Amino acid sequence: MYVALWNLLPGPRWIKLLQILVLLSVTILLLFQWVFPWATEYFNLTGNTVE
């Protein structure tokens, strides 16, 4: 999967690395901004079940 992504990106090796770092940063930002808050609201991930 990573090889396919690497081969799809245009440019030399250093530009591909820069593009992958940007894509990874955007993915992490989206997860922390929208996905994780949504998951805690619907799945009660902050509750403690161990007494």
Protein backbone atom coordinates (compact mmCIF):
# COMPACT_ATOMS: atom_id res chain seq x y z
CA MET A 1 0.00 0.00 0.00
CA TYR A 2 2.78 2.42 0.85
CA VAL A 3 4.67 1.51 -2.31
CA ALA A 4 1.57 2.25 -4.40
CA LEU A 5 1.21 5.67 -2.71
CA TRP A 6 4.92 6.35 -3.24
CA ASN A 7 4.66 5.47 -6.93
CA LEU A 8 1.56 7.64 -7.47
CA LEU A 9 3.18 10.81 -6.17
CA PRO A 10 4.96 12.96 -8.78
CA GLY A 11 8.47 14.33 -8.56
CA PRO A 12 11.85 13.28 -7.26
CA ARG A 13 12.41 11.47 -3.99
CA TRP A 14 12.65 14.57 -1.76
CA ILE A 15 9.41 16.03 -3.12
CA LYS A 16 7.62 12.71 -2.58
CA LEU A 17 8.85 12.67 1.01
CA LEU A 18 7.63 16.23 1.53
CA GLN A 19 4.22 15.36 0.04
CA ILE A 20 3.87 12.32 2.29
CA LEU A 21 4.75 14.40 5.37
CA VAL A 22 2.10 16.98 4.42
CA LEU A 23 -0.51 14.25 3.82
CA LEU A 24 0.31 12.65 7.16
CA SER A 25 0.07 15.99 8.97
CA VAL A 26 -3.30 16.79 7.39
CA THR A 27 -4.61 13.33 8.28
CA ILE A 28 -3.56 13.73 11.92
CA LEU A 29 -5.09 17.21 12.05
CA LEU A 30 -8.41 15.94 10.67
CA LEU A 31 -8.46 13.09 13.17
CA PHE A 32 -7.88 15.37 16.15
CA GLN A 33 -10.25 18.11 14.97
CA TRP A 34 -13.28 16.08 13.89
CA VAL A 35 -13.04 12.29 14.20
CA PHE A 36 -11.86 11.90 17.79
CA PRO A 37 -14.35 14.43 19.26
CA TRP A 38 -17.16 12.73 17.34
CA ALA A 39 -16.07 9.31 18.63
CA THR A 40 -15.96 10.43 22.27
CA GLU A 41 -19.44 11.92 21.96
CA TYR A 42 -21.03 8.75 20.56
CA PHE A 43 -18.98 5.93 22.14
CA ASN A 44 -18.38 7.18 25.71
CA LEU A 45 -14.63 6.69 25.54
CA THR A 46 -13.96 8.77 28.64
CA GLY A 47 -15.94 6.53 31.00
CA ASN A 48 -14.10 4.41 33.53
CA THR A 49 -15.34 0.84 34.08
CA VAL A 50 -12.69 -0.42 36.52
CA GLU A 51 -13.41 0.12 40.19
